[in-house]
Amino acid sequence: MAELKGYSCPKCGSYLDVDRDRDVFECPFCGNRFNALVFHRDELLAEARRLARSGDIGQAMEKYEYLLNLLPDDFDIKNEYACAVDGIKSSKALSIDLPKEPDLVVAHERLRALLINDKRFSLGPGADYFAKLCEVLSLEVKYKELYGKYEKKLKEAEEAKGGKDKPLKYIVAIYAVAGGILAFGYYAELRKYYIASDIRATWPLWTYFSILAVLIIACVAIYFISAWKNKDQTARYNKYKKSAEDFYNNEIVPLLELYRQGVDELEKLKPVTNKNAEVNGEDKTVTSQASKSTSDLQEHITCSKCGGELILDNKNKVYICSHCGVSFDYSMFIGTPVSKAFKELADGEFDLADKRFLKILEENPGDFDANFGRVLCAGKWKNLREIELNDQAKDIDWDEMKKRVDQAIENSFGSGRRYFKAFEVLLNPIRTYSRLSDKTDEESKTAVKEAENDFKNEYPRFLLMDKQFRRT
């Protein structure tokens, strides 16, 4: 049914012929021509975005390159292509905001090099925006560099403040303890002589007092030396601290102000997307009505039987031909192929959805959504929340399920491949349950019990992984 969709000329209402060689829609009555690619721009761009989100940056870049070669002035395509070159999964993931930790600042070297060297970004619509973006990203790198120097100065100040007078304090403590032990021992020895009325109890007294005096003088001297050094360290700390503060105020604060101004200007410079369906050059164009968007032209759908206009019946969700009366499901004409397939999946039309997913995979085997949709179709699940250990699992063709999961793993890359491998792990207990749940022997019962426990553990873990995957 997808082949039934057609477009009518917004100028005269006639159906549009497709010139495959020149990729244009041509009206056979009034002679106007329109760029066919623009009518499908959103679908192609959505496909490139899906590839980028699933980690297939290489394939995504091919799509962006194709679009950019045909629509070189399209700002959205330029912007998302630049992000793909830098390895970013989506333009929303390019955060123009300084992180709390300067070490987390990303250099974006490939992105900045592209904006500087590729003339497609320095000319045409959005040139001012991309120039300012390059400037802002360079300021982020400069901020990281300057903040590193600032932290180094703070570290020097801390080193000057404390730690270097500690050896003197240790020496004072050692002298005090050693002197005390020596004096006590010397006194104990003299006391023995004194008790024994030995003459040696009198003559060494001057030595005892001399040792104590030397120890006391040494401790006092070291104390004053330590105090002097503390004063000197405080002065040096204040000096280094002031140097660090001056550096921050004179270098970093102005840079932050420039950065904030740049971010504000960047938002103002962002051009408004303008989809122009006209063909440039020698082809005849319509400058007013011909530049309608795809959504406007979707309202003019022609019947493949007689060429009459199809009228939308919202109540019954069908398109009805105003001439011959043939009706078509309206969902076949609305949205991208993937969105249509998922709508059919949500309605329980598993065969229709599977055919649509399969057609998408014929053109792009690595499409994550289509691979995922076919796996759900094989299990007769409308979404992940419907996956359960129940009798429905017995009706699954597990050979077909394994084939689809293996194909998804083989055709995916990066996070997409990890996703399907995790899904394969989730399917193992479901397969075991479907095979053994009706058996009554003890071995089978034990295996079913283990499958139930495995599913109970794996299912929440996979749902969390799915949530995190779709955020990226």
Protein backbone atom coordinates (compact mmCIF):
# COMPACT_ATOMS: atom_id res chain seq x y z
CA MET A 1 0.00 0.00 0.00
CA ALA A 2 2.92 2.35 0.54
CA GLU A 3 3.24 2.67 -3.25
CA LEU A 4 -0.19 4.29 -3.42
CA LYS A 5 1.04 7.57 -2.00
CA GLY A 6 1.28 10.42 -4.46
CA TYR A 7 1.62 14.19 -4.42
CA SER A 8 -0.52 16.75 -6.18
CA CYS A 9 0.68 20.08 -7.50
CA PRO A 10 -0.01 22.92 -5.04
CA LYS A 11 -0.38 25.29 -8.00
CA CYS A 12 -3.03 23.58 -10.13
CA GLY A 13 -4.05 20.50 -8.12
CA SER A 14 -2.93 17.94 -10.71
CA TYR A 15 -0.94 14.85 -9.77
CA LEU A 16 2.86 15.11 -9.96
CA ASP A 17 5.00 12.80 -12.10
CA VAL A 18 8.38 11.68 -10.76
CA ASP A 19 11.46 12.33 -12.89
CA ARG A 20 13.82 9.67 -11.47
CA ASP A 21 16.84 10.88 -13.44
CA ARG A 22 16.62 14.41 -12.08
CA ASP A 23 15.00 13.67 -8.69
CA VAL A 24 12.14 16.09 -9.24
CA PHE A 25 8.35 16.05 -9.17
CA GLU A 26 6.96 17.45 -12.44
CA CYS A 27 3.42 18.64 -13.06
CA PRO A 28 2.33 17.55 -16.59
CA PHE A 29 -0.31 20.28 -16.75
CA CYS A 30 1.24 23.54 -15.52
CA GLY A 31 4.89 22.54 -15.99
CA ASN A 32 6.11 23.33 -12.47
CA ARG A 33 8.92 21.19 -11.07
CA PHE A 34 9.77 20.55 -7.43
CA ASN A 35 12.78 18.94 -5.77
CA ALA A 36 11.68 15.40 -4.88
CA LEU A 37 14.37 15.02 -2.23
CA VAL A 38 12.95 17.85 -0.12
CA PHE A 39 9.65 16.00 0.20
CA HIS A 40 11.53 13.11 1.84
CA ARG A 41 14.16 15.18 3.61
CA ASP A 42 12.73 14.55 7.07
CA GLU A 43 12.62 10.79 6.58
CA LEU A 44 16.23 10.65 5.36
CA LEU A 45 17.37 12.91 8.18
CA ALA A 46 15.52 10.79 10.74
CA GLU A 47 17.25 7.70 9.37
CA ALA A 48 20.66 9.38 9.75
CA ARG A 49 19.78 10.32 13.32
CA ARG A 50 18.82 6.75 14.17
CA LEU A 51 22.11 5.47 12.81
CA ALA A 52 24.03 8.02 14.89
CA ARG A 53 22.09 7.18 18.06
CA SER A 54 22.76 3.46 17.61
CA GLY A 55 26.49 4.14 17.31
CA ASP A 56 26.76 3.62 13.53
CA ILE A 57 28.53 6.94 13.04
CA GLY A 58 30.10 5.85 9.74
CA GLN A 59 26.79 5.01 8.10
CA ALA A 60 25.20 8.11 9.60
CA MET A 61 27.91 10.28 8.06
CA GLU A 62 27.25 8.72 4.65
CA LYS A 63 23.60 9.72 4.94
CA TYR A 64 24.50 13.22 6.09
CA GLU A 65 27.03 13.58 3.25
CA TYR A 66 24.39 12.53 0.73
CA LEU A 67 21.89 15.02 2.11
CA LEU A 68 24.48 17.78 2.39
CA ASN A 69 25.61 17.37 -1.22
CA LEU A 70 22.03 17.82 -2.41
CA LEU A 71 20.96 20.41 0.18
CA PRO A 72 24.19 22.29 0.97
CA ASP A 73 22.36 25.24 2.56
CA ASP A 74 20.24 23.17 4.98
CA PHE A 75 21.33 24.28 8.46
CA ASP A 76 19.98 21.23 10.34
CA ILE A 77 21.87 18.84 8.06
CA LYS A 78 25.07 20.87 8.42
CA ASN A 79 24.77 21.00 12.19
CA GLU A 80 24.07 17.29 12.65
CA TYR A 81 26.75 16.31 10.14
CA ALA A 82 29.31 18.35 12.10
CA CYS A 83 28.31 16.56 15.30
CA ALA A 84 28.62 13.17 13.58
CA VAL A 85 32.14 14.05 12.40
CA ASP A 86 33.03 14.75 16.03
CA GLY A 87 31.61 11.38 17.11
CA ILE A 88 28.61 12.92 18.89
CA LYS A 89 25.44 10.80 18.73
CA SER A 90 23.08 13.75 18.34
CA SER A 91 23.21 17.53 18.07
CA LYS A 92 21.45 17.70 21.47
CA ALA A 93 24.42 15.89 23.00
CA LEU A 94 26.67 18.86 22.03
CA SER A 95 26.33 20.73 25.30
CA ILE A 96 27.38 24.37 24.99
CA ASP A 97 27.86 24.83 28.70
CA LEU A 98 30.94 24.74 30.90
CA PRO A 99 30.94 21.69 33.20
CA LYS A 100 31.42 22.14 36.92
CA GLU A 101 34.75 20.31 36.68
CA PRO A 102 37.09 21.99 34.16
CA ASP A 103 38.80 18.64 33.59
CA LEU A 104 35.54 17.45 31.98
CA VAL A 105 35.76 20.05 29.18
CA VAL A 106 35.85 18.24 25.81
CA ALA A 107 38.30 19.62 23.24
CA HIS A 108 36.09 18.84 20.18
CA GLU A 109 39.22 18.94 18.02
CA ARG A 110 37.64 17.28 14.97
CA LEU A 111 34.59 19.52 15.15
CA ARG A 112 36.66 22.70 15.41
CA ALA A 113 38.93 21.55 12.58
CA LEU A 114 35.87 20.89 10.40
CA LEU A 115 34.34 24.30 11.11
CA ILE A 116 37.64 26.02 10.30
CA ASN A 117 38.67 24.08 7.18
CA ASP A 118 35.40 23.06 5.48
CA LYS A 119 34.13 25.95 3.35
CA ARG A 120 30.58 24.60 3.49
CA PHE A 121 30.47 25.87 7.08
CA SER A 122 32.11 29.23 6.41
CA LEU A 123 29.75 30.12 3.54
CA GLY A 124 26.00 30.23 3.09
CA PRO A 125 23.23 30.12 5.72
CA GLY A 126 24.49 29.50 9.22
CA ALA A 127 28.06 30.66 8.49
CA ASP A 128 27.97 33.20 11.33
CA TYR A 129 26.55 30.57 13.66
CA PHE A 130 29.27 28.01 12.93
CA ALA A 131 31.99 30.67 13.21
CA LYS A 132 30.66 31.64 16.63
CA LEU A 133 30.34 27.95 17.62
CA CYS A 134 34.00 27.40 16.77
CA GLU A 135 34.90 30.47 18.83
CA VAL A 136 32.88 29.27 21.84
CA LEU A 137 34.40 25.79 21.69
CA SER A 138 37.88 27.34 21.54
CA LEU A 139 37.03 29.41 24.62
CA GLU A 140 36.09 26.19 26.44
CA VAL A 141 39.52 24.74 25.69
CA LYS A 142 41.19 28.01 26.73
CA TYR A 143 39.20 27.96 29.98
CA LYS A 144 40.42 24.45 30.77
CA GLU A 145 44.02 25.51 30.11
CA LEU A 146 43.80 28.68 32.24
CA TYR A 147 42.01 26.91 35.07
CA GLY A 148 44.80 24.36 35.14
CA LYS A 149 47.32 27.18 35.63
CA TYR A 150 45.12 28.70 38.33
CA GLU A 151 44.99 25.40 40.23
CA LYS A 152 48.77 25.12 39.95
CA LYS A 153 49.16 28.55 41.57
CA LEU A 154 46.79 27.55 44.38
CA LYS A 155 48.83 24.42 44.94
CA GLU A 156 52.01 26.48 45.19
CA ALA A 157 50.32 28.69 47.78
CA GLU A 158 49.30 25.69 49.87
CA GLU A 159 52.81 24.27 49.69
CA ALA A 160 54.22 27.60 50.86
CA LYS A 161 51.73 27.78 53.72
CA GLY A 162 52.38 24.58 55.58
CA GLY A 163 54.53 21.54 55.90
CA LYS A 164 58.03 23.00 55.68
CA ASP A 165 58.26 23.97 59.39
CA LYS A 166 57.24 20.51 60.52
CA PRO A 167 60.83 19.11 60.61
CA LEU A 168 61.75 21.83 63.14
CA LYS A 169 58.82 20.88 65.32
CA TYR A 170 59.87 17.27 65.13
CA ILE A 171 63.42 18.20 66.17
CA VAL A 172 62.12 20.13 69.19
CA ALA A 173 60.02 17.15 70.22
CA ILE A 174 62.94 14.74 69.79
CA TYR A 175 65.27 17.01 71.76
CA ALA A 176 62.73 17.36 74.55
CA VAL A 177 62.06 13.63 74.82
CA ALA A 178 65.74 12.65 74.50
CA GLY A 179 66.80 15.30 77.00
CA GLY A 180 64.17 14.20 79.47
CA ILE A 181 65.22 10.55 79.20
CA LEU A 182 68.91 11.46 79.49
CA ALA A 183 68.35 13.73 82.49
CA PHE A 184 66.18 11.18 84.25
CA GLY A 185 68.71 8.40 83.68
CA TYR A 186 71.59 10.57 84.79
CA TYR A 187 69.69 11.58 87.92
CA ALA A 188 68.87 7.93 88.74
CA GLU A 189 72.54 7.00 88.43
CA LEU A 190 73.64 9.85 90.71
CA ARG A 191 70.98 8.91 93.26
CA LYS A 192 72.46 5.43 93.57
CA TYR A 193 75.86 6.96 94.32
CA TYR A 194 74.31 9.36 96.82
CA ILE A 195 72.49 6.58 98.71
CA ALA A 196 75.73 4.58 98.84
CA SER A 197 77.54 7.68 100.16
CA ASP A 198 79.84 7.39 97.20
CA ILE A 199 81.98 10.47 96.57
CA ARG A 200 81.03 10.31 92.87
CA ALA A 201 77.57 11.55 93.84
CA THR A 202 78.84 15.15 94.10
CA TRP A 203 81.37 15.85 91.42
CA PRO A 204 79.20 15.20 88.25
CA LEU A 205 76.44 17.64 89.21
CA TRP A 206 77.78 20.36 86.96
CA THR A 207 77.67 17.95 84.01
CA TYR A 208 74.03 17.13 84.73
CA PHE A 209 73.01 20.78 84.84
CA SER A 210 75.11 21.57 81.78
CA ILE A 211 73.30 18.93 79.74
CA LEU A 212 69.92 20.25 80.85
CA ALA A 213 70.95 23.80 80.03
CA VAL A 214 72.11 22.83 76.54
CA LEU A 215 68.87 20.98 75.86
CA ILE A 216 66.75 23.88 77.10
CA ILE A 217 68.73 26.41 75.04
CA ALA A 218 68.46 24.18 71.96
CA CYS A 219 64.69 23.81 72.35
CA VAL A 220 64.21 27.55 72.81
CA ALA A 221 66.39 28.33 69.81
CA ILE A 222 64.56 25.86 67.61
CA TYR A 223 61.22 27.25 68.78
CA PHE A 224 62.16 30.80 67.75
CA ILE A 225 63.58 29.60 64.45
CA SER A 226 60.30 27.76 63.79
CA ALA A 227 58.28 30.87 64.65
CA TRP A 228 60.41 32.95 62.27
CA LYS A 229 59.93 30.38 59.49
CA ASN A 230 56.16 30.31 60.12
CA LYS A 231 56.06 34.06 59.69
CA ASP A 232 58.05 33.78 56.49
CA GLN A 233 55.77 30.97 55.19
CA THR A 234 52.65 33.03 55.93
CA ALA A 235 54.10 35.91 53.94
CA ARG A 236 54.94 33.61 51.02
CA TYR A 237 51.47 31.99 51.18
CA ASN A 238 49.78 35.40 51.03
CA LYS A 239 52.00 36.33 48.11
CA TYR A 240 51.17 33.16 46.12
CA LYS A 241 47.48 33.37 47.04
CA LYS A 242 47.28 36.96 45.81
CA SER A 243 49.06 35.95 42.61
CA ALA A 244 46.49 33.18 42.06
CA GLU A 245 43.57 35.53 42.75
CA ASP A 246 44.98 38.18 40.40
CA PHE A 247 45.41 35.53 37.71
CA TYR A 248 41.80 34.38 38.14
CA ASN A 249 40.40 37.93 38.05
CA ASN A 250 42.57 39.11 35.15
CA GLU A 251 42.52 36.00 32.95
CA ILE A 252 39.63 33.67 33.78
CA VAL A 253 36.87 36.14 34.70
CA PRO A 254 37.15 38.06 31.37
CA LEU A 255 37.21 34.75 29.49
CA LEU A 256 34.05 33.57 31.28
CA GLU A 257 32.36 36.84 30.35
CA LEU A 258 33.36 36.36 26.71
CA TYR A 259 32.07 32.80 26.89
CA ARG A 260 28.67 33.85 28.25
CA GLN A 261 28.37 36.53 25.59
CA GLY A 262 29.33 34.00 22.93
CA VAL A 263 26.69 31.52 24.10
CA ASP A 264 24.03 34.25 24.04
CA GLU A 265 25.08 35.34 20.55
CA LEU A 266 25.16 31.72 19.41
CA GLU A 267 21.50 31.25 20.29
CA LYS A 268 20.57 34.44 18.43
CA LEU A 269 22.60 33.46 15.36
CA LYS A 270 20.94 30.06 15.03
CA PRO A 271 18.97 30.32 11.78
CA VAL A 272 15.35 29.30 11.45
CA THR A 273 15.02 26.16 9.33
CA ASN A 274 13.53 26.93 5.95
CA LYS A 275 12.51 24.00 3.77
CA ASN A 276 12.39 25.15 0.16
CA ALA A 277 10.95 22.72 -2.34
CA GLU A 278 11.93 24.64 -5.44
CA VAL A 279 14.38 23.39 -8.06
CA ASN A 280 17.13 25.88 -8.84
CA GLY A 281 18.66 26.62 -12.21
CA GLU A 282 16.94 26.01 -15.50
CA ASP A 283 13.85 24.35 -14.05
CA LYS A 284 10.73 26.44 -13.79
CA THR A 285 9.75 27.17 -10.18
CA VAL A 286 6.90 28.62 -8.17
CA THR A 287 8.20 31.17 -5.67
CA SER A 288 5.14 31.53 -3.48
CA GLN A 289 2.86 28.51 -3.35
CA ALA A 290 5.41 26.00 -4.59
CA SER A 291 7.55 26.28 -1.49
CA LYS A 292 5.04 24.48 0.70
CA SER A 293 6.32 21.98 3.23
CA THR A 294 5.94 18.24 2.99
CA SER A 295 3.14 18.26 5.55
CA ASP A 296 1.14 20.64 3.32
CA LEU A 297 1.60 18.43 0.27
CA GLN A 298 0.63 15.31 2.23
CA GLU A 299 -2.91 16.68 2.28
CA HIS A 300 -3.06 16.16 -1.50
CA ILE A 301 -2.89 12.37 -1.97
CA THR A 302 -4.12 10.83 -5.18
CA CYS A 303 -5.88 7.52 -5.75
CA SER A 304 -3.82 4.94 -7.60
CA LYS A 305 -6.98 3.56 -9.23
CA CYS A 306 -8.38 6.64 -10.91
CA GLY A 307 -6.14 9.60 -10.02
CA GLY A 308 -8.82 11.29 -7.96
CA GLU A 309 -8.07 13.09 -4.71
CA LEU A 310 -8.22 11.06 -1.49
CA ILE A 311 -10.23 12.69 1.31
CA LEU A 312 -9.31 11.97 4.94
CA ASP A 313 -12.07 10.42 7.08
CA ASN A 314 -10.81 11.08 10.62
CA LYS A 315 -13.61 9.13 12.28
CA ASN A 316 -12.91 5.86 10.45
CA LYS A 317 -9.18 6.51 10.02
CA VAL A 318 -9.19 5.97 6.26
CA TYR A 319 -8.58 7.91 3.05
CA ILE A 320 -11.56 7.72 0.65
CA CYS A 321 -11.31 8.52 -3.04
CA SER A 322 -13.72 11.32 -3.91
CA HIS A 323 -14.20 9.86 -7.41
CA CYS A 324 -14.28 6.04 -7.29
CA GLY A 325 -14.86 5.51 -3.56
CA VAL A 326 -11.87 3.21 -2.89
CA SER A 327 -10.59 3.59 0.70
CA PHE A 328 -7.11 3.19 2.15
CA ASP A 329 -5.82 3.01 5.74
CA TYR A 330 -4.67 6.56 6.53
CA SER A 331 -1.71 5.39 8.63
CA MET A 332 -0.07 4.22 5.41
CA PHE A 333 0.34 7.84 4.33
CA ILE A 334 1.43 9.51 7.57
CA GLY A 335 4.89 9.64 9.13
CA THR A 336 8.15 7.84 8.38
CA PRO A 337 8.26 4.12 7.48
CA VAL A 338 9.55 3.29 10.97
CA SER A 339 6.83 5.27 12.75
CA LYS A 340 4.19 3.61 10.57
CA ALA A 341 5.59 0.17 11.34
CA PHE A 342 5.63 0.81 15.09
CA LYS A 343 2.04 2.05 14.92
CA GLU A 344 1.03 -1.21 13.25
CA LEU A 345 3.01 -3.08 15.91
CA ALA A 346 1.18 -1.21 18.69
CA ASP A 347 -2.14 -2.12 17.04
CA GLY A 348 -1.19 -5.81 17.02
CA GLU A 349 -0.77 -5.93 13.22
CA PHE A 350 2.39 -8.02 13.51
CA ASP A 351 2.48 -9.30 9.91
CA LEU A 352 2.01 -5.82 8.41
CA ALA A 353 4.59 -4.31 10.75
CA ASP A 354 7.04 -7.12 10.02
CA LYS A 355 6.77 -6.56 6.27
CA ARG A 356 7.39 -2.86 6.68
CA PHE A 357 10.39 -3.44 8.98
CA LEU A 358 11.76 -5.96 6.48
CA LYS A 359 11.48 -3.45 3.66
CA ILE A 360 13.43 -0.90 5.71
CA LEU A 361 16.16 -3.49 6.37
CA GLU A 362 16.44 -4.27 2.67
CA GLU A 363 17.64 -0.71 2.16
CA ASN A 364 19.55 -0.40 5.44
CA PRO A 365 20.36 -3.70 7.23
CA GLY A 366 21.85 -1.81 10.18
CA ASP A 367 18.70 0.15 11.05
CA PHE A 368 18.34 -0.36 14.81
CA ASP A 369 14.61 0.33 15.04
CA ALA A 370 13.76 -2.02 12.18
CA ASN A 371 15.88 -4.84 13.63
CA PHE A 372 14.32 -4.31 17.04
CA GLY A 373 10.83 -4.19 15.54
CA ARG A 374 11.29 -7.51 13.72
CA VAL A 375 12.39 -9.18 16.95
CA LEU A 376 9.26 -7.90 18.70
CA CYS A 377 7.14 -9.13 15.78
CA ALA A 378 8.66 -12.61 16.09
CA GLY A 379 7.61 -12.73 19.74
CA LYS A 380 4.18 -11.17 19.07
CA TRP A 381 5.08 -8.43 21.54
CA LYS A 382 3.77 -4.90 21.02
CA ASN A 383 6.54 -3.47 23.21
CA LEU A 384 9.09 -4.50 25.83
CA ARG A 385 6.53 -4.34 28.63
CA GLU A 386 4.64 -7.26 27.09
CA ILE A 387 7.58 -9.65 27.42
CA GLU A 388 6.63 -12.16 30.12
CA LEU A 389 7.09 -15.78 31.13
CA ASN A 390 3.69 -17.16 30.14
CA ASP A 391 2.03 -19.57 27.75
CA GLN A 392 2.43 -17.09 24.88
CA ALA A 393 6.13 -18.01 24.79
CA LYS A 394 5.17 -21.53 23.62
CA ASP A 395 3.81 -20.11 20.35
CA ILE A 396 7.06 -18.37 19.43
CA ASP A 397 9.04 -19.76 16.50
CA TRP A 398 12.38 -19.84 18.31
CA ASP A 399 14.38 -20.72 15.20
CA GLU A 400 13.03 -17.59 13.51
CA MET A 401 13.60 -15.55 16.66
CA LYS A 402 17.24 -16.69 16.86
CA LYS A 403 17.73 -15.89 13.18
CA ARG A 404 16.43 -12.33 13.63
CA VAL A 405 18.45 -11.66 16.78
CA ASP A 406 21.61 -13.00 15.11
CA GLN A 407 21.00 -10.76 12.09
CA ALA A 408 20.47 -7.76 14.38
CA ILE A 409 23.75 -8.45 16.20
CA GLU A 410 25.63 -8.98 12.94
CA ASN A 411 24.31 -5.79 11.31
CA SER A 412 24.68 -3.53 14.37
CA PHE A 413 27.71 -1.80 15.78
CA GLY A 414 28.82 -0.35 19.09
CA SER A 415 26.05 0.18 21.62
CA GLY A 416 23.46 -1.28 19.22
CA ARG A 417 25.29 -4.60 19.09
CA ARG A 418 25.65 -4.66 22.89
CA TYR A 419 21.92 -3.99 23.16
CA PHE A 420 20.93 -6.98 21.05
CA LYS A 421 23.42 -9.26 22.81
CA ALA A 422 21.83 -8.29 26.12
CA PHE A 423 18.41 -8.99 24.60
CA GLU A 424 19.66 -12.42 23.52
CA VAL A 425 20.57 -13.13 27.16
CA LEU A 426 17.06 -12.07 28.21
CA LEU A 427 15.52 -14.51 25.71
CA ASN A 428 17.35 -17.56 27.09
CA PRO A 429 15.12 -18.10 30.16
CA ILE A 430 12.00 -17.44 28.05
CA ARG A 431 13.09 -20.13 25.57
CA THR A 432 13.79 -22.58 28.40
CA TYR A 433 10.41 -21.86 29.98
CA SER A 434 8.52 -22.37 26.70
CA ARG A 435 10.25 -25.70 26.11
CA LEU A 436 10.02 -27.26 29.59
CA SER A 437 7.08 -25.64 31.41
CA ASP A 438 4.66 -28.48 30.48
CA LYS A 439 7.00 -31.26 31.57
CA THR A 440 6.59 -32.86 35.00
CA ASP A 441 9.94 -34.52 35.68
CA GLU A 442 12.07 -33.05 38.46
CA GLU A 443 14.89 -32.02 36.15
CA SER A 444 12.53 -29.97 33.99
CA LYS A 445 10.87 -28.42 37.02
CA THR A 446 14.27 -27.38 38.36
CA ALA A 447 15.23 -25.89 34.98
CA VAL A 448 11.93 -23.96 34.82
CA LYS A 449 12.49 -22.61 38.32
CA GLU A 450 15.99 -21.45 37.36
CA ALA A 451 14.57 -19.84 34.20
CA GLU A 452 12.02 -17.93 36.27
CA ASN A 453 14.76 -16.66 38.59
CA ASP A 454 17.00 -15.71 35.66
CA PHE A 455 14.18 -13.80 33.98
CA LYS A 456 13.33 -12.05 37.24
CA ASN A 457 16.94 -10.83 37.44
CA GLU A 458 17.59 -10.08 33.77
CA TYR A 459 14.33 -8.34 32.83
CA PRO A 460 14.68 -5.27 35.12
CA ARG A 461 18.34 -5.03 34.18
CA PHE A 462 17.49 -4.99 30.48
CA LEU A 463 14.73 -2.39 30.94
CA LEU A 464 17.26 -0.13 32.65
CA MET A 465 19.73 -0.68 29.81
CA ASP A 466 16.99 0.13 27.28
CA LYS A 467 16.17 3.36 29.12
CA GLN A 468 19.82 4.43 29.20
CA PHE A 469 20.32 3.45 25.54
CA ARG A 470 17.42 5.58 24.31
CA ARG A 471 18.61 8.60 26.27
CA THR A 472 21.85 8.72 24.25
